[in-house]
């Protein structure tokens, strides 16, 4: 193996390691955001917080879980506001 080939291989390994680091870092943030959103939705129903404003609990179904998992805290806020406005989030 020539010096140029070894140098190119080293540069390629460093670039791949950097890209993988950035991908794992962003995926970890997304996973934490999704977990926080779903737990907040569950806590709202567990603590009967919607009863304080005279509304029934937010139904936990595929749509509400996806909104909360993708949006995190903002997804929970969107779900709560839609529920307060009477917009159903069901199939």
C-alpha atoms as a PDB file:
ATOM      1  CA  UNK A   1       0.000   0.000   0.000  1.00  0.00           C
ATOM      2  CA  UNK A   2       1.375   3.322  -0.997  1.00  0.00           C
ATOM      3  CA  UNK A   3       1.530   6.369   1.245  1.00  0.00           C
ATOM      4  CA  UNK A   4      -1.183   8.129  -0.792  1.00  0.00           C
ATOM      5  CA  UNK A   5      -3.560   5.163  -0.493  1.00  0.00           C
ATOM      6  CA  UNK A   6      -3.020   4.961   3.264  1.00  0.00           C
ATOM      7  CA  UNK A   7      -3.610   8.699   3.648  1.00  0.00           C
ATOM      8  CA  UNK A   8      -6.823   8.536   1.600  1.00  0.00           C
ATOM      9  CA  UNK A   9      -8.030   5.567   3.672  1.00  0.00           C
ATOM     10  CA  UNK A  10      -7.345   7.489   6.894  1.00  0.00           C
ATOM     11  CA  UNK A  11      -9.219  10.552   5.627  1.00  0.00           C
ATOM     12  CA  UNK A  12     -12.142   8.333   4.580  1.00  0.00           C
ATOM     13  CA  UNK A  13     -12.282   6.707   8.025  1.00  0.00           C
ATOM     14  CA  UNK A  14     -12.253  10.115   9.763  1.00  0.00           C
ATOM     15  CA  UNK A  15     -15.056  11.417   7.514  1.00  0.00           C
ATOM     16  CA  UNK A  16     -17.173   8.291   8.106  1.00  0.00           C
ATOM     17  CA  UNK A  17     -16.609   8.516  11.869  1.00  0.00           C
ATOM     18  CA  UNK A  18     -17.644  12.191  11.865  1.00  0.00           C
ATOM     19  CA  UNK A  19     -20.817  11.502   9.856  1.00  0.00           C
ATOM     20  CA  UNK A  20     -21.749   8.592  12.131  1.00  0.00           C
ATOM     21  CA  UNK A  21     -21.161  10.735  15.227  1.00  0.00           C
ATOM     22  CA  UNK A  22     -23.468  13.471  13.907  1.00  0.00           C
ATOM     23  CA  UNK A  23     -26.136  10.924  12.905  1.00  0.00           C
ATOM     24  CA  UNK A  24     -26.124   9.191  16.288  1.00  0.00           C
ATOM     25  CA  UNK A  25     -26.188  12.531  18.107  1.00  0.00           C
ATOM     26  CA  UNK A  26     -29.250  13.733  16.185  1.00  0.00           C
ATOM     27  CA  UNK A  27     -31.041  10.377  16.456  1.00  0.00           C
ATOM     28  CA  UNK A  28     -30.454  10.339  20.218  1.00  0.00           C
ATOM     29  CA  UNK A  29     -32.008  13.791  20.521  1.00  0.00           C
ATOM     30  CA  UNK A  30     -35.030  12.705  18.483  1.00  0.00           C
ATOM     31  CA  UNK A  31     -35.515   9.589  20.607  1.00  0.00           C
ATOM     32  CA  UNK A  32     -35.338  11.580  23.847  1.00  0.00           C
ATOM     33  CA  UNK A  33     -37.802  14.134  22.413  1.00  0.00           C
ATOM     34  CA  UNK A  34     -40.222  11.351  21.439  1.00  0.00           C
ATOM     35  CA  UNK A  35     -40.027   9.680  24.846  1.00  0.00           C
ATOM     36  CA  UNK A  36     -40.626  12.982  26.669  1.00  0.00           C
ATOM     37  CA  UNK A  37     -43.646  13.756  24.482  1.00  0.00           C
ATOM     38  CA  UNK A  38     -45.308  10.386  24.998  1.00  0.00           C
ATOM     39  CA  UNK A  39     -44.629  10.457  28.764  1.00  0.00           C
ATOM     40  CA  UNK A  40     -46.167  13.954  29.003  1.00  0.00           C
ATOM     41  CA  UNK A  41     -49.286  12.751  27.175  1.00  0.00           C
ATOM     42  CA  UNK A  42     -49.535   9.814  29.565  1.00  0.00           C
ATOM     43  CA  UNK A  43     -49.035  12.077  32.620  1.00  0.00           C
ATOM     44  CA  UNK A  44     -51.758  14.479  31.462  1.00  0.00           C
ATOM     45  CA  UNK A  45     -54.194  11.584  31.420  1.00  0.00           C
ATOM     46  CA  UNK A  46     -52.853   9.999  34.607  1.00  0.00           C
ATOM     47  CA  UNK A  47     -53.196  13.201  36.625  1.00  0.00           C
ATOM     48  CA  UNK A  48     -56.599  14.050  35.069  1.00  0.00           C
ATOM     49  CA  UNK A  49     -55.374  17.504  34.067  1.00  0.00           C
ATOM     50  CA  UNK A  50     -58.014  17.852  31.368  1.00  0.00           C
ATOM     51  CA  UNK A  51     -60.713  17.466  34.045  1.00  0.00           C
ATOM     52  CA  UNK A  52     -59.557  20.814  35.479  1.00  0.00           C
ATOM     53  CA  UNK A  53     -60.869  22.569  32.378  1.00  0.00           C
ATOM     54  CA  UNK A  54     -63.981  20.423  32.083  1.00  0.00           C
ATOM     55  CA  UNK A  55     -62.838  18.165  29.253  1.00  0.00           C
ATOM     56  CA  UNK A  56     -62.496  14.377  29.152  1.00  0.00           C
ATOM     57  CA  UNK A  57     -59.082  12.754  28.957  1.00  0.00           C
ATOM     58  CA  UNK A  58     -57.174  12.913  25.693  1.00  0.00           C
ATOM     59  CA  UNK A  59     -57.623   9.593  23.900  1.00  0.00           C
ATOM     60  CA  UNK A  60     -54.340   7.743  23.522  1.00  0.00           C
ATOM     61  CA  UNK A  61     -54.367   6.294  20.025  1.00  0.00           C
ATOM     62  CA  UNK A  62     -52.038   6.042  17.047  1.00  0.00           C
ATOM     63  CA  UNK A  63     -52.561   9.651  15.944  1.00  0.00           C
ATOM     64  CA  UNK A  64     -52.016  11.283  19.339  1.00  0.00           C
ATOM     65  CA  UNK A  65     -48.971   9.130  20.084  1.00  0.00           C
ATOM     66  CA  UNK A  66     -47.442   9.949  16.692  1.00  0.00           C
ATOM     67  CA  UNK A  67     -48.054  13.687  17.142  1.00  0.00           C
ATOM     68  CA  UNK A  68     -46.501  13.597  20.611  1.00  0.00           C
ATOM     69  CA  UNK A  69     -43.601  11.369  19.526  1.00  0.00           C
ATOM     70  CA  UNK A  70     -42.714  13.486  16.503  1.00  0.00           C
ATOM     71  CA  UNK A  71     -43.359  16.867  18.092  1.00  0.00           C
ATOM     72  CA  UNK A  72     -42.229  16.164  21.644  1.00  0.00           C
ATOM     73  CA  UNK A  73     -43.365  18.897  24.031  1.00  0.00           C
ATOM     74  CA  UNK A  74     -44.732  20.987  21.160  1.00  0.00           C
ATOM     75  CA  UNK A  75     -46.641  17.937  19.920  1.00  0.00           C
ATOM     76  CA  UNK A  76     -48.236  17.569  23.345  1.00  0.00           C
ATOM     77  CA  UNK A  77     -49.185  21.261  23.321  1.00  0.00           C
ATOM     78  CA  UNK A  78     -50.733  20.890  19.860  1.00  0.00           C
ATOM     79  CA  UNK A  79     -52.663  17.806  20.989  1.00  0.00           C
ATOM     80  CA  UNK A  80     -53.953  19.562  24.120  1.00  0.00           C
ATOM     81  CA  UNK A  81     -55.007  22.678  22.189  1.00  0.00           C
ATOM     82  CA  UNK A  82     -56.799  20.608  19.540  1.00  0.00           C
ATOM     83  CA  UNK A  83     -58.526  18.624  22.273  1.00  0.00           C
ATOM     84  CA  UNK A  84     -59.607  21.809  24.049  1.00  0.00           C
ATOM     85  CA  UNK A  85     -60.984  23.172  20.773  1.00  0.00           C
ATOM     86  CA  UNK A  86     -63.009  19.985  20.326  1.00  0.00           C
ATOM     87  CA  UNK A  87     -61.158  18.744  17.256  1.00  0.00           C
ATOM     88  CA  UNK A  88     -61.116  14.935  17.450  1.00  0.00           C
ATOM     89  CA  UNK A  89     -57.833  13.149  16.878  1.00  0.00           C
ATOM     90  CA  UNK A  90     -59.234   9.738  15.977  1.00  0.00           C
ATOM     91  CA  UNK A  91     -59.264   7.606  12.874  1.00  0.00           C
END
